Amino acid sequence: MASFENANESTGWVAGADACSAGWVVVLQHEETGATRCRLVDDVAALFTLPEAPAVLGVDMVIGLPAAAQSGGRACDRAARQLLGWPRSSSVFSPPARAALSAATYAEAQALNRASSPDAVGLTKQAFNLFPKMRALDAALRSMATDHLAVYEVHPECSFCALNGGAALAESKHTADGRSRRRALLERAGYTAVGEALELPEGIRGLKVDDVLDAHVVCWTAGRIRAGTAERLPASDPTPTDATGLPMVIWQ
């Protein structure tokens, strides 16, 4: 968690954000009324200036980077894979070492990541493609530029696992059955307007149905964080942090 000065003041709203090629899809829910809103925003700055000023923001993005790349990633990444099992564990990628985040090319990022530890751990292209959003979020959190948010890293598949009673979903979110299953779980959890939100990708290039579903379940976890019922990976104390003080935990 990244805590800010007024993080404990209730605005009535919590939010979940999922990165997509079109920007960030954001789902907000009001704590008292259960009302939901879904919209697309351009960048990290917009996440931190949402008009609803959510008290908690969950993001499907890495928060906290290791100084040295490790096989399997951070402790929270390894715990998330263990929780999900195969094949959903493949959705958890290992983040870069902090030094690699400054790289402009994939080759440079690979070299910096491998040089960060004796194990010469490589970096996936998937992780590198997220560098722009990862850098922007990391810079914003370290600058403490926001004064009303508590920001948490959330992995959608871990959250769907929790929403499904602790069992990882067998169906991939990239299939019709997987999307239908996730929608049903969200509607059962009170997100009755998820069907309307799923119409957004039809008119927005770069936004996919699974992005919208993921943002909803991240919002669900944000509500659980606000209520004190969410669980973190790893569960052990103390909270692992990186060299800048950012936590390296995943919430569900």
C-alpha atoms as a PDB file:
ATOM      1  CA  MET A   1       0.000   0.000   0.000  1.00  0.00           C
ATOM      2  CA  ALA A   2       1.046   3.559  -0.655  1.00  0.00           C
ATOM      3  CA  SER A   3      -0.533   5.722   2.018  1.00  0.00           C
ATOM      4  CA  PHE A   4      -1.186   9.426   1.672  1.00  0.00           C
ATOM      5  CA  GLU A   5      -2.085  12.176   4.086  1.00  0.00           C
ATOM      6  CA  ASN A   6      -5.877  11.981   3.886  1.00  0.00           C
ATOM      7  CA  ALA A   7      -6.211   8.311   2.972  1.00  0.00           C
ATOM      8  CA  ASN A   8      -8.507   7.579   5.919  1.00  0.00           C
ATOM      9  CA  GLU A   9     -11.098  10.178   4.975  1.00  0.00           C
ATOM     10  CA  SER A  10     -14.112   8.487   3.396  1.00  0.00           C
ATOM     11  CA  THR A  11     -15.288   9.935   0.106  1.00  0.00           C
ATOM     12  CA  GLY A  12     -17.841   7.176  -0.336  1.00  0.00           C
ATOM     13  CA  TRP A  13     -16.028   5.776  -3.369  1.00  0.00           C
ATOM     14  CA  VAL A  14     -13.468   3.059  -4.039  1.00  0.00           C
ATOM     15  CA  ALA A  15     -11.950   2.354  -7.443  1.00  0.00           C
ATOM     16  CA  GLY A  16     -10.221  -0.316  -9.476  1.00  0.00           C
ATOM     17  CA  ALA A  17      -8.076   0.339 -12.550  1.00  0.00           C
ATOM     18  CA  ASP A  18      -6.789  -1.993 -15.227  1.00  0.00           C
ATOM     19  CA  ALA A  19      -4.153  -0.958 -17.764  1.00  0.00           C
ATOM     20  CA  CYS A  20      -5.023  -1.366 -21.423  1.00  0.00           C
ATOM     21  CA  SER A  21      -3.584  -0.136 -24.705  1.00  0.00           C
ATOM     22  CA  ALA A  22      -6.152   2.684 -24.745  1.00  0.00           C
ATOM     23  CA  GLY A  23      -5.084   3.949 -21.299  1.00  0.00           C
ATOM     24  CA  TRP A  24      -6.690   2.776 -18.067  1.00  0.00           C
ATOM     25  CA  VAL A  25     -10.218   1.467 -17.613  1.00  0.00           C
ATOM     26  CA  VAL A  26     -11.561   2.521 -14.212  1.00  0.00           C
ATOM     27  CA  VAL A  27     -14.500   1.144 -12.246  1.00  0.00           C
ATOM     28  CA  LEU A  28     -15.780   2.996  -9.197  1.00  0.00           C
ATOM     29  CA  GLN A  29     -18.272   1.835  -6.599  1.00  0.00           C
ATOM     30  CA  HIS A  30     -19.965   3.854  -3.884  1.00  0.00           C
ATOM     31  CA  GLU A  31     -19.538   2.212  -0.500  1.00  0.00           C
ATOM     32  CA  GLU A  32     -23.025   3.039   0.764  1.00  0.00           C
ATOM     33  CA  THR A  33     -25.279   2.953  -2.286  1.00  0.00           C
ATOM     34  CA  GLY A  34     -23.466   0.318  -4.320  1.00  0.00           C
ATOM     35  CA  ALA A  35     -23.715   2.555  -7.400  1.00  0.00           C
ATOM     36  CA  THR A  36     -20.995   1.894  -9.979  1.00  0.00           C
ATOM     37  CA  ARG A  37     -19.341   3.929 -12.707  1.00  0.00           C
ATOM     38  CA  CYS A  38     -17.024   2.813 -15.494  1.00  0.00           C
ATOM     39  CA  ARG A  39     -14.848   5.023 -17.690  1.00  0.00           C
ATOM     40  CA  LEU A  40     -11.625   5.168 -19.646  1.00  0.00           C
ATOM     41  CA  VAL A  41      -8.869   7.599 -18.632  1.00  0.00           C
ATOM     42  CA  ASP A  42      -5.695   8.467 -20.496  1.00  0.00           C
ATOM     43  CA  ASP A  43      -2.914   8.168 -17.944  1.00  0.00           C
ATOM     44  CA  VAL A  44      -1.758   7.725 -14.350  1.00  0.00           C
ATOM     45  CA  ALA A  45      -2.250  11.424 -13.634  1.00  0.00           C
ATOM     46  CA  ALA A  46      -5.937  11.003 -14.436  1.00  0.00           C
ATOM     47  CA  LEU A  47      -6.160   8.065 -12.026  1.00  0.00           C
ATOM     48  CA  PHE A  48      -5.029  10.363  -9.240  1.00  0.00           C
ATOM     49  CA  THR A  49      -7.451  13.156 -10.137  1.00  0.00           C
ATOM     50  CA  LEU A  50     -10.693  11.225 -10.485  1.00  0.00           C
ATOM     51  CA  PRO A  51     -13.600  13.550  -9.622  1.00  0.00           C
ATOM     52  CA  GLU A  52     -14.960  11.009  -7.126  1.00  0.00           C
ATOM     53  CA  ALA A  53     -11.685  11.163  -5.157  1.00  0.00           C
ATOM     54  CA  PRO A  54     -11.848   7.480  -4.156  1.00  0.00           C
ATOM     55  CA  ALA A  55     -10.558   6.637  -0.712  1.00  0.00           C
ATOM     56  CA  VAL A  56      -8.924   3.455  -2.038  1.00  0.00           C
ATOM     57  CA  LEU A  57      -7.561   2.771  -5.518  1.00  0.00           C
ATOM     58  CA  GLY A  58      -6.635  -0.734  -6.606  1.00  0.00           C
ATOM     59  CA  VAL A  59      -4.442  -1.049  -9.689  1.00  0.00           C
ATOM     60  CA  ASP A  60      -3.574  -4.025 -11.828  1.00  0.00           C
ATOM     61  CA  MET A  61       0.026  -2.925 -12.098  1.00  0.00           C
ATOM     62  CA  VAL A  62       3.275  -3.643 -10.297  1.00  0.00           C
ATOM     63  CA  ILE A  63       3.984  -1.538  -7.217  1.00  0.00           C
ATOM     64  CA  GLY A  64       7.426  -1.990  -5.685  1.00  0.00           C
ATOM     65  CA  LEU A  65      10.411  -3.204  -7.694  1.00  0.00           C
ATOM     66  CA  PRO A  66      13.236  -5.478  -6.505  1.00  0.00           C
ATOM     67  CA  ALA A  67      16.801  -4.250  -6.661  1.00  0.00           C
ATOM     68  CA  ALA A  68      17.895  -7.619  -8.040  1.00  0.00           C
ATOM     69  CA  ALA A  69      15.774  -9.726 -10.370  1.00  0.00           C
ATOM     70  CA  GLN A  70      14.930 -13.123  -8.902  1.00  0.00           C
ATOM     71  CA  SER A  71      13.721 -16.257 -10.618  1.00  0.00           C
ATOM     72  CA  GLY A  72       9.955 -16.303 -10.166  1.00  0.00           C
ATOM     73  CA  GLY A  73       9.811 -12.624  -9.219  1.00  0.00           C
ATOM     74  CA  ARG A  74       8.983 -11.134  -5.856  1.00  0.00           C
ATOM     75  CA  ALA A  75       7.627 -13.160  -2.947  1.00  0.00           C
ATOM     76  CA  CYS A  76       4.118 -11.894  -3.765  1.00  0.00           C
ATOM     77  CA  ASP A  77       4.427 -13.055  -7.383  1.00  0.00           C
ATOM     78  CA  ARG A  78       5.470 -16.535  -6.286  1.00  0.00           C
ATOM     79  CA  ALA A  79       2.648 -16.651  -3.732  1.00  0.00           C
ATOM     80  CA  ALA A  80       0.119 -15.574  -6.368  1.00  0.00           C
ATOM     81  CA  ARG A  81       1.221 -18.335  -8.745  1.00  0.00           C
ATOM     82  CA  GLN A  82       0.991 -20.903  -5.970  1.00  0.00           C
ATOM     83  CA  LEU A  83      -2.511 -19.711  -5.118  1.00  0.00           C
ATOM     84  CA  LEU A  84      -3.743 -19.857  -8.708  1.00  0.00           C
ATOM     85  CA  GLY A  85      -2.102 -23.058  -9.874  1.00  0.00           C
ATOM     86  CA  TRP A  86      -1.829 -24.030 -13.512  1.00  0.00           C
ATOM     87  CA  PRO A  87      -2.920 -22.628 -15.930  1.00  0.00           C
ATOM     88  CA  ARG A  88      -3.980 -19.332 -14.278  1.00  0.00           C
ATOM     89  CA  SER A  89      -0.523 -18.966 -12.706  1.00  0.00           C
ATOM     90  CA  SER A  90       0.783 -18.031 -16.159  1.00  0.00           C
ATOM     91  CA  SER A  91      -1.052 -14.693 -15.827  1.00  0.00           C
ATOM     92  CA  VAL A  92       1.424 -13.586 -13.132  1.00  0.00           C
ATOM     93  CA  PHE A  93       4.569 -12.160 -14.689  1.00  0.00           C
ATOM     94  CA  SER A  94       7.799 -11.282 -12.906  1.00  0.00           C
ATOM     95  CA  PRO A  95       8.508  -7.525 -12.722  1.00  0.00           C
ATOM     96  CA  PRO A  96      11.833  -6.004 -13.720  1.00  0.00           C
ATOM     97  CA  ALA A  97      14.643  -5.049 -11.415  1.00  0.00           C
ATOM     98  CA  ARG A  98      14.432  -1.341 -10.686  1.00  0.00           C
ATOM     99  CA  ALA A  99      17.526  -0.552 -12.761  1.00  0.00           C
ATOM    100  CA  ALA A 100      15.946  -2.120 -15.838  1.00  0.00           C
ATOM    101  CA  LEU A 101      12.896   0.156 -15.681  1.00  0.00           C
ATOM    102  CA  SER A 102      14.903   3.007 -17.205  1.00  0.00           C
ATOM    103  CA  ALA A 103      15.680   1.046 -20.378  1.00  0.00           C
ATOM    104  CA  ALA A 104      14.478   2.418 -23.693  1.00  0.00           C
ATOM    105  CA  THR A 105      14.681  -0.859 -25.621  1.00  0.00           C
ATOM    106  CA  TYR A 106      13.869  -4.475 -24.853  1.00  0.00           C
ATOM    107  CA  ALA A 107      17.500  -5.486 -25.439  1.00  0.00           C
ATOM    108  CA  GLU A 108      18.702  -2.888 -22.962  1.00  0.00           C
ATOM    109  CA  ALA A 109      16.079  -3.926 -20.415  1.00  0.00           C
ATOM    110  CA  GLN A 110      17.144  -7.564 -20.762  1.00  0.00           C
ATOM    111  CA  ALA A 111      20.787  -6.653 -20.236  1.00  0.00           C
ATOM    112  CA  LEU A 112      20.097  -4.508 -17.171  1.00  0.00           C
ATOM    113  CA  ASN A 113      17.787  -7.112 -15.674  1.00  0.00           C
ATOM    114  CA  ARG A 114      20.327  -9.902 -16.143  1.00  0.00           C
ATOM    115  CA  ALA A 115      23.103  -7.716 -14.724  1.00  0.00           C
ATOM    116  CA  SER A 116      21.111  -7.021 -11.547  1.00  0.00           C
ATOM    117  CA  SER A 117      21.788 -10.443 -10.002  1.00  0.00           C
ATOM    118  CA  PRO A 118      24.195 -13.388 -10.281  1.00  0.00           C
ATOM    119  CA  ASP A 119      21.314 -15.530 -11.592  1.00  0.00           C
ATOM    120  CA  ALA A 120      21.077 -13.395 -14.773  1.00  0.00           C
ATOM    121  CA  VAL A 121      17.287 -13.492 -14.736  1.00  0.00           C
ATOM    122  CA  GLY A 122      15.676 -12.502 -18.020  1.00  0.00           C
ATOM    123  CA  LEU A 123      12.642 -10.329 -18.675  1.00  0.00           C
ATOM    124  CA  THR A 124       9.535 -11.136 -20.708  1.00  0.00           C
ATOM    125  CA  LYS A 125       8.393  -8.954 -23.578  1.00  0.00           C
ATOM    126  CA  GLN A 126       5.023  -8.701 -21.796  1.00  0.00           C
ATOM    127  CA  ALA A 127       6.686  -7.021 -18.829  1.00  0.00           C
ATOM    128  CA  PHE A 128       8.691  -4.682 -21.049  1.00  0.00           C
ATOM    129  CA  ASN A 129       5.564  -3.574 -22.905  1.00  0.00           C
ATOM    130  CA  LEU A 130       4.176  -2.338 -19.582  1.00  0.00           C
ATOM    131  CA  PHE A 131       7.219  -0.186 -18.805  1.00  0.00           C
ATOM    132  CA  PRO A 132       5.603   3.172 -19.729  1.00  0.00           C
ATOM    133  CA  LYS A 133       2.663   2.662 -17.364  1.00  0.00           C
ATOM    134  CA  MET A 134       4.877   1.023 -14.749  1.00  0.00           C
ATOM    135  CA  ARG A 135       7.282   3.975 -14.830  1.00  0.00           C
ATOM    136  CA  ALA A 136       4.477   6.523 -14.590  1.00  0.00           C
ATOM    137  CA  LEU A 137       2.840   4.803 -11.640  1.00  0.00           C
ATOM    138  CA  ASP A 138       6.151   4.289  -9.854  1.00  0.00           C
ATOM    139  CA  ALA A 139       7.115   7.949 -10.281  1.00  0.00           C
ATOM    140  CA  ALA A 140       3.724   9.156  -9.068  1.00  0.00           C
ATOM    141  CA  LEU A 141       3.788   6.989  -5.960  1.00  0.00           C
ATOM    142  CA  ARG A 142       7.350   7.948  -5.070  1.00  0.00           C
ATOM    143  CA  SER A 143       6.638  11.642  -5.519  1.00  0.00           C
ATOM    144  CA  MET A 144       3.667  11.414  -3.106  1.00  0.00           C
ATOM    145  CA  ALA A 145       1.879  13.716  -5.540  1.00  0.00           C
ATOM    146  CA  THR A 146      -1.562  12.543  -4.431  1.00  0.00           C
ATOM    147  CA  ASP A 147      -2.908  13.376  -0.987  1.00  0.00           C
ATOM    148  CA  HIS A 148      -6.217  11.535  -0.788  1.00  0.00           C
ATOM    149  CA  LEU A 149      -5.555   8.037  -2.098  1.00  0.00           C
ATOM    150  CA  ALA A 150      -4.373   4.747  -0.723  1.00  0.00           C
ATOM    151  CA  VAL A 151      -3.064   2.789  -3.717  1.00  0.00           C
ATOM    152  CA  TYR A 152      -2.730  -0.994  -3.750  1.00  0.00           C
ATOM    153  CA  GLU A 153      -1.461  -3.561  -6.232  1.00  0.00           C
ATOM    154  CA  VAL A 154      -4.205  -6.029  -7.133  1.00  0.00           C
ATOM    155  CA  HIS A 155      -4.023  -9.014  -9.469  1.00  0.00           C
ATOM    156  CA  PRO A 156      -7.404  -9.685 -11.142  1.00  0.00           C
ATOM    157  CA  GLU A 157      -7.045 -13.471 -11.305  1.00  0.00           C
ATOM    158  CA  CYS A 158      -6.224 -13.624  -7.584  1.00  0.00           C
ATOM    159  CA  SER A 159      -9.280 -11.459  -6.923  1.00  0.00           C
ATOM    160  CA  PHE A 160     -11.520 -13.653  -9.067  1.00  0.00           C
ATOM    161  CA  CYS A 161     -10.155 -16.607  -7.106  1.00  0.00           C
ATOM    162  CA  ALA A 162     -11.240 -14.935  -3.852  1.00  0.00           C
ATOM    163  CA  LEU A 163     -14.604 -13.988  -5.376  1.00  0.00           C
ATOM    164  CA  ASN A 164     -15.045 -17.631  -6.392  1.00  0.00           C
ATOM    165  CA  GLY A 165     -14.687 -18.854  -2.834  1.00  0.00           C
ATOM    166  CA  GLY A 166     -10.949 -19.443  -3.006  1.00  0.00           C
ATOM    167  CA  ALA A 167     -10.905 -21.528  -6.181  1.00  0.00           C
ATOM    168  CA  ALA A 168      -9.065 -20.264  -9.246  1.00  0.00           C
ATOM    169  CA  LEU A 169     -11.200 -20.124 -12.362  1.00  0.00           C
ATOM    170  CA  ALA A 170     -10.565 -22.920 -14.817  1.00  0.00           C
ATOM    171  CA  GLU A 171     -11.741 -20.902 -17.815  1.00  0.00           C
ATOM    172  CA  SER A 172      -9.447 -18.343 -19.450  1.00  0.00           C
ATOM    173  CA  LYS A 173     -10.689 -14.762 -19.530  1.00  0.00           C
ATOM    174  CA  HIS A 174      -9.908 -14.771 -23.244  1.00  0.00           C
ATOM    175  CA  THR A 175     -12.701 -17.260 -23.957  1.00  0.00           C
ATOM    176  CA  ALA A 176     -16.450 -16.697 -24.108  1.00  0.00           C
ATOM    177  CA  ASP A 177     -16.991 -19.151 -21.243  1.00  0.00           C
ATOM    178  CA  GLY A 178     -14.352 -17.411 -19.146  1.00  0.00           C
ATOM    179  CA  ARG A 179     -15.841 -13.983 -19.711  1.00  0.00           C
ATOM    180  CA  SER A 180     -19.333 -15.265 -18.955  1.00  0.00           C
ATOM    181  CA  ARG A 181     -18.139 -16.912 -15.740  1.00  0.00           C
ATOM    182  CA  ARG A 182     -16.408 -13.746 -14.551  1.00  0.00           C
ATOM    183  CA  ARG A 183     -19.407 -11.587 -15.380  1.00  0.00           C
ATOM    184  CA  ALA A 184     -21.691 -13.906 -13.407  1.00  0.00           C
ATOM    185  CA  LEU A 185     -19.420 -13.723 -10.356  1.00  0.00           C
ATOM    186  CA  LEU A 186     -19.331  -9.923 -10.517  1.00  0.00           C
ATOM    187  CA  GLU A 187     -23.098  -9.640 -10.872  1.00  0.00           C
ATOM    188  CA  ARG A 188     -23.533 -11.944  -7.889  1.00  0.00           C
ATOM    189  CA  ALA A 189     -21.195  -9.646  -5.936  1.00  0.00           C
ATOM    190  CA  GLY A 190     -23.445  -6.653  -6.635  1.00  0.00           C
ATOM    191  CA  TYR A 191     -22.012  -5.281  -9.873  1.00  0.00           C
ATOM    192  CA  THR A 192     -25.365  -5.421 -11.623  1.00  0.00           C
ATOM    193  CA  ALA A 193     -24.367  -2.799 -14.218  1.00  0.00           C
ATOM    194  CA  VAL A 194     -21.398  -4.800 -15.489  1.00  0.00           C
ATOM    195  CA  GLY A 195     -23.378  -5.697 -18.608  1.00  0.00           C
ATOM    196  CA  GLU A 196     -23.716  -2.028 -19.543  1.00  0.00           C
ATOM    197  CA  ALA A 197     -20.016  -1.438 -18.880  1.00  0.00           C
ATOM    198  CA  LEU A 198     -19.122  -4.303 -21.208  1.00  0.00           C
ATOM    199  CA  GLU A 199     -20.571  -2.299 -24.091  1.00  0.00           C
ATOM    200  CA  LEU A 200     -17.677   0.187 -23.816  1.00  0.00           C
ATOM    201  CA  PRO A 201     -15.137  -1.885 -25.780  1.00  0.00           C
ATOM    202  CA  GLU A 202     -17.447  -1.846 -28.817  1.00  0.00           C
ATOM    203  CA  GLY A 203     -16.729   1.830 -29.395  1.00  0.00           C
ATOM    204  CA  ILE A 204     -13.230   2.271 -27.961  1.00  0.00           C
ATOM    205  CA  ARG A 205     -10.219   1.005 -29.832  1.00  0.00           C
ATOM    206  CA  GLY A 206      -7.670  -0.694 -27.608  1.00  0.00           C
ATOM    207  CA  LEU A 207     -10.196  -1.568 -24.898  1.00  0.00           C
ATOM    208  CA  LYS A 208     -11.216  -5.205 -24.492  1.00  0.00           C
ATOM    209  CA  VAL A 209     -13.986  -6.954 -22.608  1.00  0.00           C
ATOM    210  CA  ASP A 210     -11.533  -8.672 -20.271  1.00  0.00           C
ATOM    211  CA  ASP A 211     -10.033  -5.255 -19.377  1.00  0.00           C
ATOM    212  CA  VAL A 212     -13.454  -4.118 -18.181  1.00  0.00           C
ATOM    213  CA  LEU A 213     -14.046  -7.325 -16.224  1.00  0.00           C
ATOM    214  CA  ASP A 214     -10.613  -7.051 -14.607  1.00  0.00           C
ATOM    215  CA  ALA A 215     -11.226  -3.433 -13.565  1.00  0.00           C
ATOM    216  CA  HIS A 216     -14.486  -4.497 -11.897  1.00  0.00           C
ATOM    217  CA  VAL A 217     -12.874  -7.218  -9.818  1.00  0.00           C
ATOM    218  CA  VAL A 218      -9.999  -4.909  -8.871  1.00  0.00           C
ATOM    219  CA  CYS A 219     -12.639  -2.455  -7.648  1.00  0.00           C
ATOM    220  CA  TRP A 220     -14.249  -5.297  -5.678  1.00  0.00           C
ATOM    221  CA  THR A 221     -10.925  -5.916  -3.960  1.00  0.00           C
ATOM    222  CA  ALA A 222     -10.518  -2.179  -3.302  1.00  0.00           C
ATOM    223  CA  GLY A 223     -13.839  -2.316  -1.452  1.00  0.00           C
ATOM    224  CA  ARG A 224     -12.611  -5.274   0.581  1.00  0.00           C
ATOM    225  CA  ILE A 225      -9.411  -3.402   1.403  1.00  0.00           C
ATOM    226  CA  ARG A 226     -11.501  -0.456   2.586  1.00  0.00           C
ATOM    227  CA  ALA A 227     -13.632  -2.793   4.711  1.00  0.00           C
ATOM    228  CA  GLY A 228     -10.611  -4.598   6.155  1.00  0.00           C
ATOM    229  CA  THR A 229     -11.588  -7.992   4.714  1.00  0.00           C
ATOM    230  CA  ALA A 230      -9.065  -8.289   1.853  1.00  0.00           C
ATOM    231  CA  GLU A 231      -6.112 -10.646   2.006  1.00  0.00           C
ATOM    232  CA  ARG A 232      -2.564  -9.957   0.920  1.00  0.00           C
ATOM    233  CA  LEU A 233       0.138 -12.044  -0.668  1.00  0.00           C
ATOM    234  CA  PRO A 234       2.426 -12.866   1.004  1.00  0.00           C
ATOM    235  CA  ALA A 235       0.446 -12.916   4.233  1.00  0.00           C
ATOM    236  CA  SER A 236       3.484 -12.883   6.518  1.00  0.00           C
ATOM    237  CA  ASP A 237       4.742  -9.828   8.408  1.00  0.00           C
ATOM    238  CA  PRO A 238       6.536  -7.539   8.030  1.00  0.00           C
ATOM    239  CA  THR A 239       5.364  -6.176   4.695  1.00  0.00           C
ATOM    240  CA  PRO A 240       8.128  -6.586   2.077  1.00  0.00           C
ATOM    241  CA  THR A 241       9.229  -3.236   0.658  1.00  0.00           C
ATOM    242  CA  ASP A 242      11.582  -2.163  -2.096  1.00  0.00           C
ATOM    243  CA  ALA A 243      14.527   0.213  -1.758  1.00  0.00           C
ATOM    244  CA  THR A 244      12.248   3.244  -2.118  1.00  0.00           C
ATOM    245  CA  GLY A 245       9.867   2.068   0.602  1.00  0.00           C
ATOM    246  CA  LEU A 246       7.084   0.923  -1.716  1.00  0.00           C
ATOM    247  CA  PRO A 247       5.350  -2.295  -0.639  1.00  0.00           C
ATOM    248  CA  MET A 248       5.767  -5.462  -2.666  1.00  0.00           C
ATOM    249  CA  VAL A 249       2.460  -7.183  -1.973  1.00  0.00           C
ATOM    250  CA  ILE A 250      -0.533  -8.301  -4.028  1.00  0.00           C
ATOM    251  CA  TRP A 251      -4.045  -7.912  -2.633  1.00  0.00           C
ATOM    252  CA  GLN A 252      -7.096 -10.051  -3.310  1.00  0.00           C
END
